[in-house]
N, C-alpha and C. Protein backbone atom coordinates (compact mmCIF):
# COMPACT_ATOMS: atom_id res chain seq x y z
N MET A 1 46.81 -145.27 -171.00
CA MET A 1 46.44 -145.01 -169.64
C MET A 1 47.58 -144.35 -168.88
N ASP A 2 48.80 -144.75 -169.21
CA ASP A 2 49.97 -144.21 -168.55
C ASP A 2 50.13 -142.72 -168.87
N LEU A 3 49.78 -142.31 -170.08
CA LEU A 3 49.88 -140.90 -170.49
C LEU A 3 48.89 -140.04 -169.70
N LYS A 4 47.68 -140.53 -169.47
CA LYS A 4 46.69 -139.79 -168.69
C LYS A 4 47.17 -139.59 -167.26
N ARG A 5 47.82 -140.59 -166.71
CA ARG A 5 48.31 -140.50 -165.34
C ARG A 5 49.42 -139.47 -165.22
N ARG A 6 50.25 -139.32 -166.24
CA ARG A 6 51.33 -138.33 -166.20
C ARG A 6 50.81 -136.91 -166.45
N LEU A 7 49.79 -136.78 -167.25
CA LEU A 7 49.27 -135.45 -167.58
C LEU A 7 48.31 -134.89 -166.53
N LEU A 8 47.76 -135.73 -165.70
CA LEU A 8 46.81 -135.27 -164.68
C LEU A 8 47.41 -134.23 -163.73
N PRO A 9 48.62 -134.43 -163.16
CA PRO A 9 49.19 -133.38 -162.30
C PRO A 9 49.46 -132.07 -163.04
N ILE A 10 49.85 -132.18 -164.29
CA ILE A 10 50.09 -130.97 -165.09
C ILE A 10 48.77 -130.23 -165.33
N ALA A 11 47.71 -130.96 -165.63
CA ALA A 11 46.41 -130.34 -165.84
C ALA A 11 45.90 -129.68 -164.56
N ILE A 12 46.11 -130.31 -163.41
CA ILE A 12 45.69 -129.73 -162.14
C ILE A 12 46.50 -128.46 -161.84
N ALA A 13 47.79 -128.49 -162.10
CA ALA A 13 48.63 -127.31 -161.88
C ALA A 13 48.21 -126.17 -162.78
N LEU A 14 47.92 -126.45 -164.05
CA LEU A 14 47.47 -125.40 -164.97
C LEU A 14 46.12 -124.83 -164.54
N ALA A 15 45.24 -125.67 -164.06
CA ALA A 15 43.95 -125.19 -163.57
C ALA A 15 44.14 -124.29 -162.36
N MET A 16 45.05 -124.64 -161.47
CA MET A 16 45.31 -123.80 -160.30
C MET A 16 45.92 -122.46 -160.71
N VAL A 17 46.81 -122.46 -161.69
CA VAL A 17 47.39 -121.21 -162.19
C VAL A 17 46.29 -120.35 -162.81
N ALA A 18 45.38 -120.95 -163.54
CA ALA A 18 44.28 -120.19 -164.15
C ALA A 18 43.39 -119.56 -163.09
N VAL A 19 43.07 -120.32 -162.03
CA VAL A 19 42.24 -119.79 -160.94
C VAL A 19 42.97 -118.65 -160.23
N LEU A 20 44.27 -118.82 -160.01
CA LEU A 20 45.06 -117.78 -159.37
C LEU A 20 45.10 -116.52 -160.23
N PHE A 21 45.25 -116.68 -161.54
CA PHE A 21 45.26 -115.53 -162.45
C PHE A 21 43.94 -114.77 -162.40
N VAL A 22 42.84 -115.49 -162.43
CA VAL A 22 41.53 -114.85 -162.40
C VAL A 22 41.31 -114.13 -161.07
N SER A 23 41.80 -114.72 -159.98
CA SER A 23 41.59 -114.07 -158.68
C SER A 23 42.41 -112.81 -158.51
N TRP A 24 43.52 -112.68 -159.21
CA TRP A 24 44.39 -111.51 -159.07
C TRP A 24 44.17 -110.47 -160.16
N THR A 25 43.27 -110.71 -161.06
CA THR A 25 42.99 -109.70 -162.09
C THR A 25 42.16 -108.58 -161.49
N PRO A 26 42.17 -107.43 -162.13
CA PRO A 26 41.39 -106.30 -161.60
C PRO A 26 39.89 -106.57 -161.66
N ASN A 27 39.17 -105.68 -161.02
CA ASN A 27 37.73 -105.74 -161.06
C ASN A 27 37.29 -105.38 -162.47
N TRP A 28 36.74 -106.34 -163.19
CA TRP A 28 36.41 -106.13 -164.61
C TRP A 28 35.32 -105.10 -164.82
N GLU A 29 34.47 -104.90 -163.82
CA GLU A 29 33.37 -103.96 -163.97
C GLU A 29 33.75 -102.54 -163.58
N SER A 30 34.93 -102.36 -163.01
CA SER A 30 35.36 -101.05 -162.57
C SER A 30 35.88 -100.23 -163.74
N PRO A 31 35.48 -98.96 -163.86
CA PRO A 31 35.98 -98.14 -164.97
C PRO A 31 37.46 -97.81 -164.83
N THR A 32 37.98 -97.83 -163.60
CA THR A 32 39.39 -97.52 -163.39
C THR A 32 40.28 -98.74 -163.57
N TRP A 33 39.72 -99.92 -163.59
CA TRP A 33 40.43 -101.18 -163.81
C TRP A 33 41.54 -101.38 -162.80
N LEU A 34 41.26 -101.05 -161.55
CA LEU A 34 42.22 -101.24 -160.47
C LEU A 34 41.81 -102.44 -159.64
N ARG A 35 42.80 -103.13 -159.11
CA ARG A 35 42.52 -104.27 -158.25
C ARG A 35 41.98 -103.80 -156.91
N SER A 36 42.50 -102.71 -156.43
CA SER A 36 42.15 -102.23 -155.11
C SER A 36 41.08 -101.14 -155.18
N GLU A 37 40.20 -101.16 -154.22
CA GLU A 37 39.17 -100.13 -154.10
C GLU A 37 39.58 -99.03 -153.13
N LYS A 38 40.78 -99.14 -152.56
CA LYS A 38 41.25 -98.16 -151.59
C LYS A 38 41.67 -96.89 -152.32
N PRO A 39 41.48 -95.73 -151.68
CA PRO A 39 41.90 -94.48 -152.32
C PRO A 39 43.42 -94.34 -152.37
N TYR A 40 43.91 -93.71 -153.43
CA TYR A 40 45.33 -93.42 -153.58
C TYR A 40 45.54 -91.97 -153.13
N VAL A 41 46.32 -91.78 -152.06
CA VAL A 41 46.42 -90.49 -151.39
C VAL A 41 47.88 -90.03 -151.35
N ALA A 42 48.09 -88.73 -151.59
CA ALA A 42 49.41 -88.10 -151.46
C ALA A 42 49.33 -87.05 -150.35
N PHE A 43 50.36 -87.01 -149.52
CA PHE A 43 50.39 -86.07 -148.40
C PHE A 43 51.54 -85.09 -148.56
N GLN A 44 51.28 -83.83 -148.21
CA GLN A 44 52.30 -82.80 -148.24
C GLN A 44 52.26 -82.09 -146.88
N PHE A 45 53.43 -81.96 -146.27
CA PHE A 45 53.54 -81.34 -144.95
C PHE A 45 54.27 -80.01 -145.09
N GLU A 46 53.71 -78.94 -144.51
CA GLU A 46 54.32 -77.62 -144.55
C GLU A 46 54.40 -77.07 -143.13
N LEU A 47 55.58 -76.60 -142.75
CA LEU A 47 55.78 -75.97 -141.45
C LEU A 47 55.93 -74.48 -141.67
N GLU A 48 55.03 -73.69 -141.12
CA GLU A 48 55.08 -72.24 -141.31
C GLU A 48 55.96 -71.59 -140.25
N GLY A 49 56.69 -70.57 -140.67
CA GLY A 49 57.51 -69.81 -139.74
C GLY A 49 58.67 -70.63 -139.20
N ASP A 50 59.18 -70.21 -138.08
CA ASP A 50 60.26 -70.93 -137.41
C ASP A 50 59.66 -71.98 -136.49
N ALA A 51 59.47 -73.16 -137.03
CA ALA A 51 58.85 -74.23 -136.26
C ALA A 51 59.84 -74.80 -135.25
N THR A 52 59.37 -75.01 -134.05
CA THR A 52 60.21 -75.60 -133.02
C THR A 52 60.30 -77.11 -133.25
N LYS A 53 61.16 -77.73 -132.50
CA LYS A 53 61.37 -79.17 -132.61
C LYS A 53 60.10 -79.94 -132.28
N SER A 54 59.31 -79.43 -131.35
CA SER A 54 58.07 -80.14 -130.98
C SER A 54 57.07 -80.16 -132.13
N VAL A 55 56.99 -79.08 -132.91
CA VAL A 55 56.08 -79.05 -134.06
C VAL A 55 56.61 -79.96 -135.16
N GLU A 56 57.93 -79.98 -135.36
CA GLU A 56 58.51 -80.91 -136.34
C GLU A 56 58.24 -82.35 -135.93
N ASN A 57 58.35 -82.64 -134.64
CA ASN A 57 58.06 -83.99 -134.16
C ASN A 57 56.59 -84.35 -134.35
N LEU A 58 55.70 -83.37 -134.16
CA LEU A 58 54.28 -83.60 -134.38
C LEU A 58 54.02 -83.95 -135.85
N ALA A 59 54.63 -83.20 -136.76
CA ALA A 59 54.47 -83.49 -138.19
C ALA A 59 55.01 -84.87 -138.53
N PHE A 60 56.15 -85.22 -137.96
CA PHE A 60 56.76 -86.53 -138.19
C PHE A 60 55.86 -87.64 -137.64
N ASP A 61 55.27 -87.41 -136.47
CA ASP A 61 54.37 -88.38 -135.85
C ASP A 61 53.14 -88.62 -136.72
N ILE A 62 52.56 -87.55 -137.22
CA ILE A 62 51.38 -87.68 -138.09
C ILE A 62 51.75 -88.40 -139.37
N SER A 63 52.91 -88.09 -139.94
CA SER A 63 53.37 -88.77 -141.15
C SER A 63 53.52 -90.27 -140.91
N ASN A 64 54.11 -90.64 -139.78
CA ASN A 64 54.25 -92.06 -139.46
C ASN A 64 52.90 -92.74 -139.26
N ARG A 65 51.99 -92.06 -138.61
CA ARG A 65 50.65 -92.64 -138.41
C ARG A 65 49.93 -92.83 -139.74
N LEU A 66 50.12 -91.90 -140.67
CA LEU A 66 49.49 -92.03 -141.98
C LEU A 66 50.15 -93.13 -142.80
N ASP A 67 51.45 -93.38 -142.58
CA ASP A 67 52.16 -94.45 -143.28
C ASP A 67 51.59 -95.82 -142.95
N VAL A 68 51.19 -96.02 -141.72
CA VAL A 68 50.76 -97.35 -141.30
C VAL A 68 49.25 -97.57 -141.47
N ARG A 69 48.54 -96.59 -141.99
CA ARG A 69 47.10 -96.76 -142.20
C ARG A 69 46.87 -97.79 -143.30
N HIS A 70 45.93 -98.65 -143.12
CA HIS A 70 45.61 -99.66 -144.11
C HIS A 70 44.40 -99.28 -144.96
N GLU A 71 43.80 -98.13 -144.69
CA GLU A 71 42.60 -97.73 -145.41
C GLU A 71 42.88 -97.17 -146.80
N TRP A 72 44.14 -96.83 -147.08
CA TRP A 72 44.46 -96.24 -148.38
C TRP A 72 45.87 -96.58 -148.81
N HIS A 73 46.16 -96.24 -150.06
CA HIS A 73 47.51 -96.40 -150.60
C HIS A 73 48.17 -95.02 -150.57
N ARG A 74 49.33 -94.92 -149.96
CA ARG A 74 50.06 -93.65 -149.92
C ARG A 74 51.01 -93.63 -151.11
N VAL A 75 50.82 -92.66 -152.02
CA VAL A 75 51.58 -92.58 -153.26
C VAL A 75 52.12 -91.17 -153.45
N ASP A 76 52.91 -90.98 -154.51
CA ASP A 76 53.40 -89.65 -154.87
C ASP A 76 52.25 -88.82 -155.44
N ASP A 77 52.47 -87.51 -155.50
CA ASP A 77 51.42 -86.59 -155.91
C ASP A 77 50.92 -86.86 -157.33
N GLY A 78 51.80 -87.26 -158.23
CA GLY A 78 51.39 -87.49 -159.62
C GLY A 78 50.45 -88.67 -159.79
N ALA A 79 50.55 -89.68 -158.94
CA ALA A 79 49.72 -90.88 -159.06
C ALA A 79 48.52 -90.87 -158.13
N ALA A 80 48.32 -89.77 -157.42
CA ALA A 80 47.28 -89.74 -156.39
C ALA A 80 45.96 -89.21 -156.92
N GLU A 81 44.91 -89.83 -156.45
CA GLU A 81 43.56 -89.33 -156.72
C GLU A 81 43.21 -88.26 -155.67
N TRP A 82 43.73 -88.43 -154.47
CA TRP A 82 43.49 -87.52 -153.36
C TRP A 82 44.79 -86.85 -152.96
N GLN A 83 44.75 -85.53 -152.77
CA GLN A 83 45.91 -84.77 -152.31
C GLN A 83 45.54 -84.12 -150.97
N VAL A 84 46.40 -84.33 -149.98
CA VAL A 84 46.16 -83.77 -148.65
C VAL A 84 47.35 -82.90 -148.28
N THR A 85 47.09 -81.64 -147.93
CA THR A 85 48.13 -80.71 -147.51
C THR A 85 47.89 -80.37 -146.04
N LEU A 86 48.92 -80.60 -145.23
CA LEU A 86 48.85 -80.29 -143.80
C LEU A 86 49.80 -79.14 -143.52
N VAL A 87 49.26 -78.02 -143.03
CA VAL A 87 50.06 -76.84 -142.71
C VAL A 87 50.07 -76.68 -141.19
N PHE A 88 51.27 -76.64 -140.62
CA PHE A 88 51.44 -76.53 -139.16
C PHE A 88 51.81 -75.11 -138.81
N ARG A 89 51.01 -74.48 -137.96
CA ARG A 89 51.27 -73.12 -137.49
C ARG A 89 51.46 -73.17 -135.98
N GLU A 90 52.49 -72.47 -135.54
CA GLU A 90 52.78 -72.44 -134.10
C GLU A 90 52.45 -71.05 -133.58
N GLN A 91 51.71 -71.00 -132.46
CA GLN A 91 51.33 -69.74 -131.84
C GLN A 91 51.58 -69.87 -130.34
N GLN A 92 52.71 -69.38 -129.88
CA GLN A 92 53.15 -69.46 -128.48
C GLN A 92 53.11 -70.90 -127.99
N ASP A 93 52.17 -71.26 -127.14
CA ASP A 93 52.10 -72.62 -126.60
C ASP A 93 51.08 -73.49 -127.34
N ALA A 94 50.56 -73.01 -128.45
CA ALA A 94 49.53 -73.74 -129.19
C ALA A 94 50.02 -74.10 -130.60
N VAL A 95 49.39 -75.11 -131.15
CA VAL A 95 49.67 -75.54 -132.52
C VAL A 95 48.35 -75.62 -133.26
N GLN A 96 48.35 -75.12 -134.48
CA GLN A 96 47.18 -75.22 -135.34
C GLN A 96 47.57 -76.00 -136.58
N ILE A 97 46.75 -76.99 -136.94
CA ILE A 97 47.00 -77.80 -138.13
C ILE A 97 45.85 -77.55 -139.10
N ASP A 98 46.15 -76.88 -140.20
CA ASP A 98 45.17 -76.64 -141.26
C ASP A 98 45.36 -77.73 -142.31
N THR A 99 44.32 -78.49 -142.56
CA THR A 99 44.40 -79.60 -143.50
C THR A 99 43.42 -79.37 -144.64
N THR A 100 43.93 -79.41 -145.86
CA THR A 100 43.09 -79.26 -147.03
C THR A 100 43.08 -80.59 -147.78
N VAL A 101 41.89 -81.10 -148.04
CA VAL A 101 41.73 -82.36 -148.75
C VAL A 101 41.20 -82.05 -150.14
N LYS A 102 41.92 -82.52 -151.16
CA LYS A 102 41.51 -82.29 -152.54
C LYS A 102 41.37 -83.63 -153.25
N ARG A 103 40.40 -83.68 -154.14
CA ARG A 103 40.26 -84.85 -155.00
C ARG A 103 40.44 -84.37 -156.43
N GLN A 104 41.49 -84.84 -157.05
CA GLN A 104 41.85 -84.45 -158.41
C GLN A 104 41.84 -82.92 -158.55
N LYS A 105 42.58 -82.29 -157.65
CA LYS A 105 42.81 -80.84 -157.61
C LYS A 105 41.59 -80.00 -157.23
N GLN A 106 40.46 -80.62 -156.90
CA GLN A 106 39.26 -79.90 -156.46
C GLN A 106 39.15 -80.04 -154.93
N VAL A 107 39.00 -78.92 -154.23
CA VAL A 107 38.91 -78.95 -152.78
C VAL A 107 37.63 -79.65 -152.35
N VAL A 108 37.79 -80.66 -151.50
CA VAL A 108 36.66 -81.43 -150.99
C VAL A 108 36.34 -81.05 -149.56
N ASP A 109 37.39 -80.82 -148.75
CA ASP A 109 37.17 -80.56 -147.33
C ASP A 109 38.35 -79.75 -146.78
N HIS A 110 38.07 -79.03 -145.71
CA HIS A 110 39.11 -78.28 -145.00
C HIS A 110 38.92 -78.54 -143.50
N ILE A 111 39.97 -79.02 -142.87
CA ILE A 111 39.90 -79.40 -141.46
C ILE A 111 40.90 -78.54 -140.69
N VAL A 112 40.47 -77.99 -139.57
CA VAL A 112 41.35 -77.22 -138.70
C VAL A 112 41.32 -77.86 -137.31
N VAL A 113 42.51 -78.22 -136.83
CA VAL A 113 42.65 -78.78 -135.49
C VAL A 113 43.62 -77.88 -134.73
N ARG A 114 43.21 -77.45 -133.55
CA ARG A 114 44.03 -76.52 -132.77
C ARG A 114 44.09 -77.02 -131.33
N GLY A 115 45.28 -76.89 -130.72
CA GLY A 115 45.43 -77.30 -129.33
C GLY A 115 46.80 -76.92 -128.81
N GLU A 116 46.99 -77.16 -127.52
CA GLU A 116 48.27 -76.84 -126.90
C GLU A 116 49.32 -77.88 -127.26
N LYS A 117 50.58 -77.46 -127.22
CA LYS A 117 51.68 -78.37 -127.54
C LYS A 117 51.74 -79.53 -126.57
N ALA A 118 51.27 -79.32 -125.36
CA ALA A 118 51.32 -80.37 -124.34
C ALA A 118 50.47 -81.58 -124.72
N VAL A 119 49.47 -81.39 -125.57
CA VAL A 119 48.59 -82.49 -125.98
C VAL A 119 48.81 -82.86 -127.45
N ALA A 120 50.06 -82.81 -127.88
CA ALA A 120 50.40 -83.08 -129.29
C ALA A 120 49.97 -84.48 -129.71
N ASN A 121 50.06 -85.43 -128.81
CA ASN A 121 49.65 -86.80 -129.14
C ASN A 121 48.16 -86.87 -129.46
N GLU A 122 47.36 -86.14 -128.70
CA GLU A 122 45.92 -86.09 -128.96
C GLU A 122 45.61 -85.36 -130.27
N LEU A 123 46.39 -84.32 -130.57
CA LEU A 123 46.21 -83.61 -131.84
C LEU A 123 46.48 -84.54 -133.01
N ALA A 124 47.55 -85.33 -132.92
CA ALA A 124 47.88 -86.28 -133.98
C ALA A 124 46.77 -87.32 -134.15
N ASP A 125 46.27 -87.84 -133.04
CA ASP A 125 45.15 -88.80 -133.10
C ASP A 125 43.94 -88.19 -133.79
N ARG A 126 43.63 -86.96 -133.42
CA ARG A 126 42.45 -86.29 -133.96
C ARG A 126 42.58 -86.04 -135.47
N VAL A 127 43.73 -85.57 -135.90
CA VAL A 127 43.94 -85.28 -137.33
C VAL A 127 43.84 -86.56 -138.15
N VAL A 128 44.50 -87.61 -137.71
CA VAL A 128 44.49 -88.87 -138.46
C VAL A 128 43.09 -89.47 -138.48
N ALA A 129 42.37 -89.41 -137.37
CA ALA A 129 41.00 -89.94 -137.33
C ALA A 129 40.07 -89.16 -138.26
N LEU A 130 40.18 -87.83 -138.24
CA LEU A 130 39.34 -87.02 -139.12
C LEU A 130 39.66 -87.26 -140.59
N LEU A 131 40.94 -87.33 -140.92
CA LEU A 131 41.32 -87.61 -142.31
C LEU A 131 40.82 -88.97 -142.75
N SER A 132 40.99 -89.96 -141.90
CA SER A 132 40.55 -91.32 -142.25
C SER A 132 39.06 -91.35 -142.54
N SER A 133 38.27 -90.80 -141.64
CA SER A 133 36.83 -90.87 -141.82
C SER A 133 36.35 -90.05 -143.02
N ARG A 134 36.91 -88.88 -143.20
CA ARG A 134 36.41 -88.02 -144.29
C ARG A 134 36.85 -88.51 -145.67
N ILE A 135 38.08 -88.98 -145.79
CA ILE A 135 38.54 -89.49 -147.08
C ILE A 135 37.78 -90.77 -147.42
N GLU A 136 37.62 -91.65 -146.45
CA GLU A 136 36.89 -92.90 -146.69
C GLU A 136 35.45 -92.61 -147.14
N LYS A 137 34.79 -91.73 -146.42
CA LYS A 137 33.40 -91.42 -146.73
C LYS A 137 33.28 -90.77 -148.11
N ALA A 138 34.13 -89.79 -148.40
CA ALA A 138 34.07 -89.11 -149.69
C ALA A 138 34.43 -90.06 -150.83
N HIS A 139 35.38 -90.96 -150.58
CA HIS A 139 35.79 -91.90 -151.63
C HIS A 139 34.65 -92.88 -151.96
N LYS A 140 33.95 -93.34 -150.93
CA LYS A 140 32.84 -94.27 -151.16
C LYS A 140 31.69 -93.56 -151.86
N ASN A 141 31.43 -92.31 -151.50
CA ASN A 141 30.34 -91.56 -152.13
C ASN A 141 30.67 -91.16 -153.56
N ALA A 142 31.95 -91.00 -153.88
CA ALA A 142 32.35 -90.57 -155.22
C ALA A 142 32.26 -91.70 -156.24
N ASP A 143 32.36 -92.93 -155.76
CA ASP A 143 32.34 -94.06 -156.71
C ASP A 143 30.97 -94.43 -157.17
């Protein structure tokens, strides 16, 4: 009886470890065998011509906003299922952001956002919102 009493906590601990292992394993039915269903995305930023400091700040702001998004995993280009290229063009007092979204090197979408430099914060909001919605929707439809 004394042996059963000593082994009971060990058996409970092993059962908890087994439950924890099963909960952290990948989705067994998924062909990709990934734990996460979030898309793996790589971003590339290009500044065309002689970009002013305000355009560089806009690109940096968008990059930071994409870093904190919880809808996807931001990875390097080699490990990404989705590749997003953002090209910033400056035209006098306006900025144009051409965004190309690719899934495994195939173009899925092209987004163009244009506006004055004075509303750079709104441009950043718009680009991030459009990317979020389109990548999420395409990723769910592709699975």
